[in-house]
PDB file of N, CA and C in Angstrom:
ATOM      1  N   MET A   1     -14.799 -18.875   9.268  1.00  0.00           N
ATOM      2  CA  MET A   1     -16.003 -18.852   8.448  1.00  0.00           C
ATOM      3  C   MET A   1     -16.304 -17.446   7.944  1.00  0.00           C
ATOM      4  N   LYS A   2     -15.971 -16.428   8.758  1.00  0.00           N
ATOM      5  CA  LYS A   2     -16.239 -15.052   8.361  1.00  0.00           C
ATOM      6  C   LYS A   2     -15.424 -14.681   7.120  1.00  0.00           C
ATOM      7  N   TYR A   3     -14.223 -15.229   7.000  1.00  0.00           N
ATOM      8  CA  TYR A   3     -13.392 -14.939   5.835  1.00  0.00           C
ATOM      9  C   TYR A   3     -14.086 -15.383   4.555  1.00  0.00           C
ATOM     10  N   LYS A   4     -14.662 -16.573   4.541  1.00  0.00           N
ATOM     11  CA  LYS A   4     -15.345 -17.071   3.346  1.00  0.00           C
ATOM     12  C   LYS A   4     -16.535 -16.186   2.984  1.00  0.00           C
ATOM     13  N   LYS A   5     -17.222 -15.699   3.997  1.00  0.00           N
ATOM     14  CA  LYS A   5     -18.383 -14.847   3.745  1.00  0.00           C
ATOM     15  C   LYS A   5     -17.958 -13.542   3.069  1.00  0.00           C
ATOM     16  N   THR A   6     -16.871 -12.940   3.514  1.00  0.00           N
ATOM     17  CA  THR A   6     -16.435 -11.681   2.899  1.00  0.00           C
ATOM     18  C   THR A   6     -15.912 -11.910   1.487  1.00  0.00           C
ATOM     19  N   VAL A   7     -15.277 -13.050   1.255  1.00  0.00           N
ATOM     20  CA  VAL A   7     -14.797 -13.355  -0.099  1.00  0.00           C
ATOM     21  C   VAL A   7     -15.975 -13.508  -1.048  1.00  0.00           C
ATOM     22  N   TYR A   8     -17.004 -14.220  -0.611  1.00  0.00           N
ATOM     23  CA  TYR A   8     -18.178 -14.402  -1.459  1.00  0.00           C
ATOM     24  C   TYR A   8     -18.909 -13.084  -1.692  1.00  0.00           C
ATOM     25  N   GLN A   9     -18.952 -12.242  -0.678  1.00  0.00           N
ATOM     26  CA  GLN A   9     -19.572 -10.924  -0.844  1.00  0.00           C
ATOM     27  C   GLN A   9     -18.790 -10.091  -1.847  1.00  0.00           C
ATOM     28  N   ALA A  10     -17.461 -10.157  -1.790  1.00  0.00           N
ATOM     29  CA  ALA A  10     -16.631  -9.413  -2.746  1.00  0.00           C
ATOM     30  C   ALA A  10     -16.836  -9.922  -4.165  1.00  0.00           C
ATOM     31  N   LEU A  11     -16.901 -11.246  -4.326  1.00  0.00           N
ATOM     32  CA  LEU A  11     -17.140 -11.808  -5.660  1.00  0.00           C
ATOM     33  C   LEU A  11     -18.515 -11.425  -6.197  1.00  0.00           C
ATOM     34  N   ALA A  12     -19.510 -11.413  -5.321  1.00  0.00           N
ATOM     35  CA  ALA A  12     -20.852 -11.006  -5.745  1.00  0.00           C
ATOM     36  C   ALA A  12     -20.868  -9.546  -6.160  1.00  0.00           C
ATOM     37  N   THR A  13     -20.149  -8.708  -5.432  1.00  0.00           N
ATOM     38  CA  THR A  13     -20.086  -7.283  -5.770  1.00  0.00           C
ATOM     39  C   THR A  13     -19.400  -7.064  -7.114  1.00  0.00           C
ATOM     40  N   ILE A  14     -18.307  -7.777  -7.339  1.00  0.00           N
ATOM     41  CA  ILE A  14     -17.599  -7.653  -8.623  1.00  0.00           C
ATOM     42  C   ILE A  14     -18.508  -8.110  -9.768  1.00  0.00           C
ATOM     43  N   SER A  15     -19.246  -9.188  -9.539  1.00  0.00           N
ATOM     44  CA  SER A  15     -20.178  -9.672 -10.565  1.00  0.00           C
ATOM     45  C   SER A  15     -21.271  -8.650 -10.842  1.00  0.00           C
ATOM     46  N   GLN A  16     -21.756  -7.999  -9.808  1.00  0.00           N
ATOM     47  CA  GLN A  16     -22.789  -6.976  -9.992  1.00  0.00           C
ATOM     48  C   GLN A  16     -22.266  -5.820 -10.833  1.00  0.00           C
ATOM     49  N   PHE A  17     -21.019  -5.423 -10.615  1.00  0.00           N
ATOM     50  CA  PHE A  17     -20.447  -4.347 -11.423  1.00  0.00           C
ATOM     51  C   PHE A  17     -20.426  -4.737 -12.899  1.00  0.00           C
ATOM     52  N   GLY A  18     -19.997  -5.964 -13.189  1.00  0.00           N
ATOM     53  CA  GLY A  18     -19.941  -6.420 -14.574  1.00  0.00           C
ATOM     54  C   GLY A  18     -21.312  -6.502 -15.215  1.00  0.00           C
ATOM     55  N   ILE A  19     -22.253  -7.060 -14.486  1.00  0.00           N
ATOM     56  CA  ILE A  19     -23.616  -7.199 -15.020  1.00  0.00           C
ATOM     57  C   ILE A  19     -24.253  -5.837 -15.234  1.00  0.00           C
ATOM     58  N   ASN A  20     -24.065  -4.928 -14.266  1.00  0.00           N
ATOM     59  CA  ASN A  20     -24.646  -3.583 -14.389  1.00  0.00           C
ATOM     60  C   ASN A  20     -24.044  -2.794 -15.544  1.00  0.00           C
ATOM     61  N   MET A  21     -22.854  -3.156 -15.980  1.00  0.00           N
ATOM     62  CA  MET A  21     -22.239  -2.454 -17.100  1.00  0.00           C
ATOM     63  C   MET A  21     -22.613  -3.110 -18.437  1.00  0.00           C
ATOM     64  N   LEU A  22     -22.620  -4.433 -18.483  1.00  0.00           N
ATOM     65  CA  LEU A  22     -22.776  -5.116 -19.763  1.00  0.00           C
ATOM     66  C   LEU A  22     -24.221  -5.240 -20.245  1.00  0.00           C
ATOM     67  N   VAL A  23     -25.148  -5.437 -19.349  1.00  0.00           N
ATOM     68  CA  VAL A  23     -26.543  -5.649 -19.761  1.00  0.00           C
ATOM     69  C   VAL A  23     -27.102  -4.452 -20.539  1.00  0.00           C
ATOM     70  N   PRO A  24     -26.957  -3.215 -20.052  1.00  0.00           N
ATOM     71  CA  PRO A  24     -27.483  -2.091 -20.845  1.00  0.00           C
ATOM     72  C   PRO A  24     -26.801  -1.942 -22.208  1.00  0.00           C
ATOM     73  N   ILE A  25     -25.498  -2.236 -22.256  1.00  0.00           N
ATOM     74  CA  ILE A  25     -24.786  -2.129 -23.535  1.00  0.00           C
ATOM     75  C   ILE A  25     -25.339  -3.140 -24.528  1.00  0.00           C
ATOM     76  N   PHE A  26     -25.490  -4.400 -24.096  1.00  0.00           N
ATOM     77  CA  PHE A  26     -26.004  -5.424 -25.006  1.00  0.00           C
ATOM     78  C   PHE A  26     -27.442  -5.143 -25.423  1.00  0.00           C
ATOM     79  N   LEU A  27     -28.281  -4.788 -24.477  1.00  0.00           N
ATOM     80  CA  LEU A  27     -29.682  -4.528 -24.820  1.00  0.00           C
ATOM     81  C   LEU A  27     -29.810  -3.368 -25.805  1.00  0.00           C
ATOM     82  N   CYS A  28     -29.110  -2.282 -25.518  1.00  0.00           N
ATOM     83  CA  CYS A  28     -29.194  -1.131 -26.420  1.00  0.00           C
ATOM     84  C   CYS A  28     -28.584  -1.442 -27.783  1.00  0.00           C
ATOM     85  N   SER A  29     -27.510  -2.215 -27.805  1.00  0.00           N
ATOM     86  CA  SER A  29     -26.905  -2.585 -29.093  1.00  0.00           C
ATOM     87  C   SER A  29     -27.856  -3.427 -29.922  1.00  0.00           C
ATOM     88  N   PHE A  30     -28.532  -4.389 -29.283  1.00  0.00           N
ATOM     89  CA  PHE A  30     -29.478  -5.220 -30.027  1.00  0.00           C
ATOM     90  C   PHE A  30     -30.668  -4.410 -30.529  1.00  0.00           C
ATOM     91  N   VAL A  31     -31.125  -3.452 -29.745  1.00  0.00           N
ATOM     92  CA  VAL A  31     -32.201  -2.571 -30.207  1.00  0.00           C
ATOM     93  C   VAL A  31     -31.720  -1.759 -31.413  1.00  0.00           C
ATOM     94  N   GLY A  32     -30.484  -1.262 -31.339  1.00  0.00           N
ATOM     95  CA  GLY A  32     -29.922  -0.501 -32.458  1.00  0.00           C
ATOM     96  C   GLY A  32     -29.784  -1.341 -33.713  1.00  0.00           C
ATOM     97  N   ILE A  33     -29.332  -2.582 -33.567  1.00  0.00           N
ATOM     98  CA  ILE A  33     -29.206  -3.482 -34.721  1.00  0.00           C
ATOM     99  C   ILE A  33     -30.583  -3.764 -35.319  1.00  0.00           C
ATOM    100  N   PHE A  34     -31.573  -4.012 -34.451  1.00  0.00           N
ATOM    101  CA  PHE A  34     -32.924  -4.268 -34.921  1.00  0.00           C
ATOM    102  C   PHE A  34     -33.461  -3.073 -35.712  1.00  0.00           C
ATOM    103  N   LEU A  35     -33.275  -1.855 -35.169  1.00  0.00           N
ATOM    104  CA  LEU A  35     -33.756  -0.661 -35.869  1.00  0.00           C
ATOM    105  C   LEU A  35     -33.013  -0.447 -37.182  1.00  0.00           C
ATOM    106  N   ASP A  36     -31.710  -0.715 -37.198  1.00  0.00           N
ATOM    107  CA  ASP A  36     -30.953  -0.563 -38.440  1.00  0.00           C
ATOM    108  C   ASP A  36     -31.465  -1.513 -39.519  1.00  0.00           C
ATOM    109  N   LYS A  37     -31.753  -2.744 -39.136  1.00  0.00           N
ATOM    110  CA  LYS A  37     -32.266  -3.710 -40.125  1.00  0.00           C
ATOM    111  C   LYS A  37     -33.665  -3.326 -40.587  1.00  0.00           C
ATOM    112  N   LYS A  38     -34.493  -2.884 -39.632  1.00  0.00           N
ATOM    113  CA  LYS A  38     -35.877  -2.547 -39.953  1.00  0.00           C
ATOM    114  C   LYS A  38     -35.963  -1.301 -40.841  1.00  0.00           C
ATOM    115  N   LEU A  39     -35.128  -0.297 -40.537  1.00  0.00           N
ATOM    116  CA  LEU A  39     -35.217   0.978 -41.256  1.00  0.00           C
ATOM    117  C   LEU A  39     -34.205   1.113 -42.393  1.00  0.00           C
ATOM    118  N   GLY A  40     -33.297   0.154 -42.516  1.00  0.00           N
ATOM    119  CA  GLY A  40     -32.299   0.217 -43.581  1.00  0.00           C
ATOM    120  C   GLY A  40     -31.237   1.275 -43.350  1.00  0.00           C
ATOM    121  N   THR A  41     -30.952   1.577 -42.102  1.00  0.00           N
ATOM    122  CA  THR A  41     -29.932   2.575 -41.777  1.00  0.00           C
ATOM    123  C   THR A  41     -28.693   1.876 -41.238  1.00  0.00           C
ATOM    124  N   SER A  42     -27.685   2.666 -40.877  1.00  0.00           N
ATOM    125  CA  SER A  42     -26.467   2.060 -40.342  1.00  0.00           C
ATOM    126  C   SER A  42     -25.883   2.850 -39.171  1.00  0.00           C
ATOM    127  N   TYR A  43     -26.669   3.663 -38.526  1.00  0.00           N
ATOM    128  CA  TYR A  43     -26.103   4.474 -37.451  1.00  0.00           C
ATOM    129  C   TYR A  43     -26.817   4.309 -36.112  1.00  0.00           C
ATOM    130  N   PHE A  44     -27.979   3.672 -36.087  1.00  0.00           N
ATOM    131  CA  PHE A  44     -28.691   3.515 -34.818  1.00  0.00           C
ATOM    132  C   PHE A  44     -27.927   2.626 -33.833  1.00  0.00           C
ATOM    133  N   MET A  45     -27.232   1.606 -34.349  1.00  0.00           N
ATOM    134  CA  MET A  45     -26.488   0.713 -33.458  1.00  0.00           C
ATOM    135  C   MET A  45     -25.429   1.488 -32.703  1.00  0.00           C
ATOM    136  N   ILE A  46     -24.740   2.380 -33.365  1.00  0.00           N
ATOM    137  CA  ILE A  46     -23.682   3.170 -32.719  1.00  0.00           C
ATOM    138  C   ILE A  46     -24.281   4.097 -31.664  1.00  0.00           C
ATOM    139  N   ILE A  47     -25.371   4.748 -32.012  1.00  0.00           N
ATOM    140  CA  ILE A  47     -26.018   5.671 -31.069  1.00  0.00           C
ATOM    141  C   ILE A  47     -26.506   4.923 -29.831  1.00  0.00           C
ATOM    142  N   PHE A  48     -27.165   3.792 -30.061  1.00  0.00           N
ATOM    143  CA  PHE A  48     -27.698   3.028 -28.934  1.00  0.00           C
ATOM    144  C   PHE A  48     -26.588   2.360 -28.124  1.00  0.00           C
ATOM    145  N   PHE A  49     -25.481   1.998 -28.771  1.00  0.00           N
ATOM    146  CA  PHE A  49     -24.342   1.439 -28.036  1.00  0.00           C
ATOM    147  C   PHE A  49     -23.818   2.454 -27.024  1.00  0.00           C
ATOM    148  N   PHE A  50     -23.621   3.685 -27.460  1.00  0.00           N
ATOM    149  CA  PHE A  50     -23.118   4.708 -26.544  1.00  0.00           C
ATOM    150  C   PHE A  50     -24.147   5.070 -25.486  1.00  0.00           C
ATOM    151  N   ALA A  51     -25.414   5.045 -25.841  1.00  0.00           N
ATOM    152  CA  ALA A  51     -26.459   5.275 -24.827  1.00  0.00           C
ATOM    153  C   ALA A  51     -26.430   4.165 -23.780  1.00  0.00           C
ATOM    154  N   GLY A  52     -26.227   2.919 -24.207  1.00  0.00           N
ATOM    155  CA  GLY A  52     -26.115   1.804 -23.272  1.00  0.00           C
ATOM    156  C   GLY A  52     -24.873   1.912 -22.400  1.00  0.00           C
ATOM    157  N   ALA A  53     -23.765   2.383 -22.986  1.00  0.00           N
ATOM    158  CA  ALA A  53     -22.543   2.561 -22.202  1.00  0.00           C
ATOM    159  C   ALA A  53     -22.737   3.635 -21.132  1.00  0.00           C
ATOM    160  N   LEU A  54     -23.417   4.713 -21.493  1.00  0.00           N
ATOM    161  CA  LEU A  54     -23.690   5.756 -20.502  1.00  0.00           C
ATOM    162  C   LEU A  54     -24.619   5.243 -19.397  1.00  0.00           C
ATOM    163  N   ALA A  55     -25.617   4.464 -19.779  1.00  0.00           N
ATOM    164  CA  ALA A  55     -26.520   3.893 -18.775  1.00  0.00           C
ATOM    165  C   ALA A  55     -25.763   2.923 -17.866  1.00  0.00           C
ATOM    166  N   GLY A  56     -24.866   2.133 -18.433  1.00  0.00           N
ATOM    167  CA  GLY A  56     -24.065   1.214 -17.630  1.00  0.00           C
ATOM    168  C   GLY A  56     -23.147   1.936 -16.663  1.00  0.00           C
ATOM    169  N   LEU A  57     -22.522   3.010 -17.135  1.00  0.00           N
ATOM    170  CA  LEU A  57     -21.665   3.804 -16.247  1.00  0.00           C
ATOM    171  C   LEU A  57     -22.468   4.415 -15.106  1.00  0.00           C
ATOM    172  N   ARG A  58     -23.667   4.862 -15.418  1.00  0.00           N
ATOM    173  CA  ARG A  58     -24.524   5.426 -14.368  1.00  0.00           C
ATOM    174  C   ARG A  58     -24.887   4.348 -13.345  1.00  0.00           C
ATOM    175  N   ASN A  59     -25.217   3.149 -13.819  1.00  0.00           N
ATOM    176  CA  ASN A  59     -25.541   2.055 -12.915  1.00  0.00           C
ATOM    177  C   ASN A  59     -24.367   1.708 -12.003  1.00  0.00           C
ATOM    178  N   VAL A  60     -23.168   1.637 -12.581  1.00  0.00           N
ATOM    179  CA  VAL A  60     -21.975   1.315 -11.795  1.00  0.00           C
ATOM    180  C   VAL A  60     -21.695   2.417 -10.787  1.00  0.00           C
ATOM    181  N   PHE A  61     -21.863   3.670 -11.189  1.00  0.00           N
ATOM    182  CA  PHE A  61     -21.645   4.781 -10.270  1.00  0.00           C
ATOM    183  C   PHE A  61     -22.614   4.716  -9.095  1.00  0.00           C
ATOM    184  N   LEU A  62     -23.889   4.466  -9.376  1.00  0.00           N
ATOM    185  CA  LEU A  62     -24.869   4.381  -8.296  1.00  0.00           C
ATOM    186  C   LEU A  62     -24.592   3.200  -7.371  1.00  0.00           C
ATOM    187  N   LEU A  63     -24.174   2.074  -7.928  1.00  0.00           N
ATOM    188  CA  LEU A  63     -23.846   0.917  -7.108  1.00  0.00           C
ATOM    189  C   LEU A  63     -22.630   1.203  -6.227  1.00  0.00           C
ATOM    190  N   ALA A  64     -21.616   1.826  -6.796  1.00  0.00           N
ATOM    191  CA  ALA A  64     -20.417   2.142  -6.018  1.00  0.00           C
ATOM    192  C   ALA A  64     -20.740   3.130  -4.905  1.00  0.00           C
ATOM    193  N   ARG A  65     -21.555   4.108  -5.201  1.00  0.00           N
ATOM    194  CA  ARG A  65     -21.935   5.087  -4.170  1.00  0.00           C
ATOM    195  C   ARG A  65     -22.715   4.408  -3.054  1.00  0.00           C
ATOM    196  N   LYS A  66     -23.562   3.485  -3.409  1.00  0.00           N
ATOM    197  CA  LYS A  66     -24.356   2.761  -2.413  1.00  0.00           C
ATOM    198  C   LYS A  66     -23.455   1.888  -1.530  1.00  0.00           C
ATOM    199  N   ILE A  67     -22.452   1.265  -2.099  1.00  0.00           N
ATOM    200  CA  ILE A  67     -21.559   0.390  -1.352  1.00  0.00           C
ATOM    201  C   ILE A  67     -20.714   1.187  -0.365  1.00  0.00           C
ATOM    202  N   TYR A  68     -20.247   2.360  -0.772  1.00  0.00           N
ATOM    203  CA  TYR A  68     -19.330   3.116   0.070  1.00  0.00           C
ATOM    204  C   TYR A  68     -20.010   3.969   1.127  1.00  0.00           C
ATOM    205  N   GLU A  69     -21.302   3.979   1.149  1.00  0.00           N
ATOM    206  CA  GLU A  69     -21.993   4.688   2.222  1.00  0.00           C
ATOM    207  C   GLU A  69     -22.034   3.804   3.449  1.00  0.00           C
ATOM    208  N   ASP A  70     -21.989   4.409   4.608  1.00  0.00           N
ATOM    209  CA  ASP A  70     -22.101   3.613   5.817  1.00  0.00           C
ATOM    210  C   ASP A  70     -23.557   3.423   6.205  1.00  0.00           C
ATOM    211  N   GLU A  71     -23.778   2.795   7.332  1.00  0.00           N
ATOM    212  CA  GLU A  71     -25.134   2.434   7.734  1.00  0.00           C
ATOM    213  C   GLU A  71     -26.028   3.638   7.975  1.00  0.00           C
ATOM    214  N   GLU A  72     -25.457   4.779   8.341  1.00  0.00           N
ATOM    215  CA  GLU A  72     -26.247   5.967   8.658  1.00  0.00           C
ATOM    216  C   GLU A  72     -26.576   6.798   7.435  1.00  0.00           C
ATOM    217  N   GLY A  73     -26.169   6.337   6.267  1.00  0.00           N
ATOM    218  CA  GLY A  73     -26.483   7.070   5.052  1.00  0.00           C
ATOM    219  C   GLY A  73     -25.470   8.145   4.713  1.00  0.00           C
ATOM    220  N   ARG A  74     -24.329   8.149   5.405  1.00  0.00           N
ATOM    221  CA  ARG A  74     -23.311   9.150   5.115  1.00  0.00           C
ATOM    222  C   ARG A  74     -22.338   8.615   4.071  1.00  0.00           C
ATOM    223  N   SER A  75     -22.012   9.442   3.115  1.00  0.00           N
ATOM    224  CA  SER A  75     -21.038   9.050   2.119  1.00  0.00           C
ATOM    225  C   SER A  75     -19.644   9.374   2.665  1.00  0.00           C
ATOM    226  N   PRO A  76     -18.588   8.834   2.064  1.00  0.00           N
ATOM    227  CA  PRO A  76     -17.242   9.154   2.539  1.00  0.00           C
ATOM    228  C   PRO A  76     -16.871  10.617   2.275  1.00  0.00           C
ATOM    229  N   TYR A  77     -17.704  11.325   1.549  1.00  0.00           N
ATOM    230  CA  TYR A  77     -17.429  12.723   1.241  1.00  0.00           C
ATOM    231  C   TYR A  77     -18.100  13.667   2.219  1.00  0.00           C
ATOM    232  N   GLY A  78     -18.779  13.127   3.214  1.00  0.00           N
ATOM    233  CA  GLY A  78     -19.343  13.945   4.273  1.00  0.00           C
ATOM    234  C   GLY A  78     -20.768  14.405   4.071  1.00  0.00           C
ATOM    235  N   ARG A  79     -21.349  14.147   2.922  1.00  0.00           N
ATOM    236  CA  ARG A  79     -22.729  14.559   2.694  1.00  0.00           C
ATOM    237  C   ARG A  79     -23.674  13.459   3.136  1.00  0.00           C
ATOM    238  N   LYS A  80     -24.740  13.840   3.757  1.00  0.00           N
ATOM    239  CA  LYS A  80     -25.748  12.868   4.171  1.00  0.00           C
ATOM    240  C   LYS A  80     -26.839  12.797   3.111  1.00  0.00           C
ATOM    241  N   ARG A  81     -27.186  11.580   2.726  1.00  0.00           N
ATOM    242  CA  ARG A  81     -28.225  11.408   1.707  1.00  0.00           C
ATOM    243  C   ARG A  81     -29.588  11.595   2.320  1.00  0.00           C
ATOM    244  N   ARG A  82     -30.500  12.079   1.497  1.00  0.00           N
ATOM    245  CA  ARG A  82     -31.896  12.205   1.937  1.00  0.00           C
ATOM    246  C   ARG A  82     -32.547  10.844   1.987  1.00  0.00           C
ATOM    247  N   LYS A  83     -33.690  10.789   2.632  1.00  0.00           N
ATOM    248  CA  LYS A  83     -34.369   9.500   2.797  1.00  0.00           C
ATOM    249  C   LYS A  83     -34.909   8.945   1.492  1.00  0.00           C
ATOM    250  N   ASN A  84     -35.195   9.782   0.513  1.00  0.00           N
ATOM    251  CA  ASN A  84     -35.756   9.279  -0.756  1.00  0.00           C
ATOM    252  C   ASN A  84     -34.677   8.733  -1.680  1.00  0.00           C
ATOM    253  N   GLY A  85     -33.419   8.666  -1.224  1.00  0.00           N
ATOM    254  CA  GLY A  85     -32.371   8.042  -2.021  1.00  0.00           C
ATOM    255  C   GLY A  85     -31.592   8.986  -2.891  1.00  0.00           C
ATOM    256  N   LYS A  86     -31.773  10.283  -2.748  1.00  0.00           N
ATOM    257  CA  LYS A  86     -31.036  11.226  -3.586  1.00  0.00           C
ATOM    258  C   LYS A  86     -30.100  12.070  -2.772  1.00  0.00           C
TER     259      LYS A  86
END
């Protein structure tokens, strides 16, 4: 039974990575498209797409860092995180 639990946890983690990357990209792209239509421009979508990609990368990085820390708050790189999460 423990095997099934770890498989489901792995699938949930993989899904979280995808969602954390794609949602900011789509939201920012739609905001950029809306602004381009409203203002009659053609460059806001590109700017907001890259802003969404950067936000998604940051989300994935924070999630990965959180996963690889052990229970005591130590990262695999030897630094201990502060209690406020930084």
